[in-house]
Amino acid sequence: MVMLKNETTESEQLPVLPLTDQHREVEIPSAAPVRLQTLDIARHVAIAPNGKRYVVATFDDTHLDRGYVTAIYPQQNGYLTLIRLVICELRSETPGEAVQKHISTVQVIQQGKLDALLRSLHQE
């Protein structure tokens, strides 16, 4: 039997991420879900009343001792996310807290209150 470099035998199993509460579907009215990346808990497109589009991504960054991070990125041309231009990052201690922060962040953007959120974060 010839094996290619990327194939595994029955005795060699690839690591499988356990299905936990972190890998659940988060639904937000009027926010389009986006395909999750490896460490994501939730990812949505939020559209502000002025038409600007943002991607809100919440992911597990505990392996870097950053907890759970909710990040806001600007979006252009469909799903061209300007990932290096992060607008802000919010940190949470637990997955449940991170999901709540994710939902409220999307709602803040949808309500046109992103600038107020950013000002409040800079005052802290």
Protein backbone atom coordinates (compact mmCIF):
# COMPACT_ATOMS: atom_id res chain seq x y z
CA MET A 1 0.00 0.00 0.00
CA VAL A 2 1.34 3.41 -0.98
CA MET A 3 0.57 6.31 1.33
CA LEU A 4 0.71 9.92 0.41
CA LYS A 5 2.37 12.33 2.78
CA ASN A 6 -0.94 13.75 4.08
CA GLU A 7 -2.69 10.41 4.61
CA THR A 8 -2.92 8.66 7.97
CA THR A 9 -3.29 5.04 8.90
CA GLU A 10 -5.98 3.73 11.23
CA SER A 11 -3.51 3.78 14.12
CA GLU A 12 -2.61 7.41 13.45
CA GLN A 13 -5.59 9.52 14.27
CA LEU A 14 -5.74 13.25 13.77
CA PRO A 15 -6.63 15.29 16.85
CA VAL A 16 -10.33 16.08 17.02
CA LEU A 17 -11.64 19.14 18.80
CA PRO A 18 -14.29 18.16 21.31
CA LEU A 19 -17.75 19.54 20.72
CA THR A 20 -18.37 21.84 23.63
CA ASP A 21 -20.65 24.73 24.42
CA GLN A 22 -18.11 26.92 22.63
CA HIS A 23 -19.04 25.37 19.28
CA ARG A 24 -22.69 26.32 19.31
CA GLU A 25 -24.60 28.43 16.84
CA VAL A 26 -25.17 32.00 17.96
CA GLU A 27 -28.15 33.60 16.25
CA ILE A 28 -28.62 37.37 16.13
CA PRO A 29 -31.59 38.96 14.32
CA SER A 30 -30.57 40.98 11.23
CA ALA A 31 -26.91 39.88 11.48
CA ALA A 32 -25.59 37.48 8.89
CA PRO A 33 -23.53 34.63 10.34
CA VAL A 34 -20.12 34.03 8.79
CA ARG A 35 -18.29 30.71 8.52
CA LEU A 36 -16.45 30.12 11.78
CA GLN A 37 -12.67 29.97 11.91
CA THR A 38 -10.88 27.33 14.02
CA LEU A 39 -10.97 29.11 17.40
CA ASP A 40 -14.22 31.03 16.83
CA ILE A 41 -17.19 30.94 19.14
CA ALA A 42 -19.22 33.30 16.94
CA ARG A 43 -18.73 35.48 13.85
CA HIS A 44 -21.28 37.81 12.26
CA VAL A 45 -21.57 40.70 9.84
CA ALA A 46 -23.16 43.74 11.49
CA ILE A 47 -24.45 46.60 9.36
CA ALA A 48 -24.66 50.06 10.89
CA PRO A 49 -27.55 52.39 9.98
CA ASN A 50 -25.13 54.41 7.79
CA GLY A 51 -24.47 51.27 5.69
CA LYS A 52 -20.97 50.57 7.00
CA ARG A 53 -20.33 46.87 7.49
CA TYR A 54 -18.31 45.26 10.26
CA VAL A 55 -17.32 41.72 11.13
CA VAL A 56 -17.66 40.90 14.81
CA ALA A 57 -15.61 37.82 15.70
CA THR A 58 -15.45 36.18 19.12
CA PHE A 59 -12.78 33.57 19.62
CA ASP A 60 -10.97 31.54 22.26
CA ASP A 61 -7.57 33.11 22.86
CA THR A 62 -6.96 31.42 26.23
CA HIS A 63 -3.91 29.65 24.83
CA LEU A 64 -2.27 33.11 24.72
CA ASP A 65 -3.63 34.06 28.15
CA ARG A 66 -5.94 36.66 26.60
CA GLY A 67 -9.19 34.94 27.59
CA TYR A 68 -12.01 35.11 25.08
CA VAL A 69 -11.72 38.00 22.63
CA THR A 70 -14.48 39.83 20.77
CA ALA A 71 -12.97 41.86 17.92
CA ILE A 72 -14.55 44.31 15.50
CA TYR A 73 -13.10 44.59 11.99
CA PRO A 74 -14.20 46.83 9.09
CA GLN A 75 -15.56 45.00 6.05
CA GLN A 76 -15.44 46.01 2.40
CA ASN A 77 -16.46 44.42 -0.90
CA GLY A 78 -18.53 41.52 0.39
CA TYR A 79 -16.38 39.60 2.85
CA LEU A 80 -13.05 41.34 2.44
CA THR A 81 -12.34 41.87 6.11
CA LEU A 82 -9.58 44.29 6.91
CA ILE A 83 -8.27 42.04 9.66
CA ARG A 84 -5.15 44.07 10.39
CA LEU A 85 -7.29 47.14 11.05
CA VAL A 86 -8.99 45.90 14.18
CA ILE A 87 -11.26 48.64 15.51
CA CYS A 88 -11.31 47.29 19.04
CA GLU A 89 -11.01 44.12 21.09
CA LEU A 90 -13.07 43.27 24.15
CA ARG A 91 -12.01 40.52 26.55
CA SER A 92 -14.12 38.06 28.53
CA GLU A 93 -13.26 35.43 31.13
CA THR A 94 -15.80 32.75 30.13
CA PRO A 95 -17.36 31.53 26.88
CA GLY A 96 -20.83 32.53 28.11
CA GLU A 97 -19.69 36.06 28.92
CA ALA A 98 -17.98 36.22 25.50
CA VAL A 99 -21.19 35.22 23.69
CA GLN A 100 -23.16 37.90 25.55
CA LYS A 101 -20.49 40.49 24.70
CA HIS A 102 -20.56 39.35 21.05
CA ILE A 103 -24.35 39.75 20.83
CA SER A 104 -24.35 43.16 22.52
CA THR A 105 -21.49 44.37 20.28
CA VAL A 106 -23.40 43.41 17.13
CA GLN A 107 -26.50 45.17 18.48
CA VAL A 108 -24.49 48.31 19.32
CA ILE A 109 -23.28 48.45 15.71
CA GLN A 110 -26.79 47.83 14.34
CA GLN A 111 -28.11 50.69 16.49
CA GLY A 112 -25.43 53.08 15.20
CA LYS A 113 -23.75 53.40 18.59
CA LEU A 114 -20.27 52.08 17.75
CA ASP A 115 -18.63 55.50 18.24
CA ALA A 116 -20.20 55.79 21.71
CA LEU A 117 -18.88 52.31 22.60
CA LEU A 118 -15.39 53.22 21.43
CA ARG A 119 -15.43 56.48 23.40
CA SER A 120 -16.53 54.64 26.54
CA LEU A 121 -13.73 52.09 26.12
CA HIS A 122 -11.11 54.84 25.77
CA GLN A 123 -12.32 56.48 28.96
CA GLU A 124 -11.78 53.32 31.01
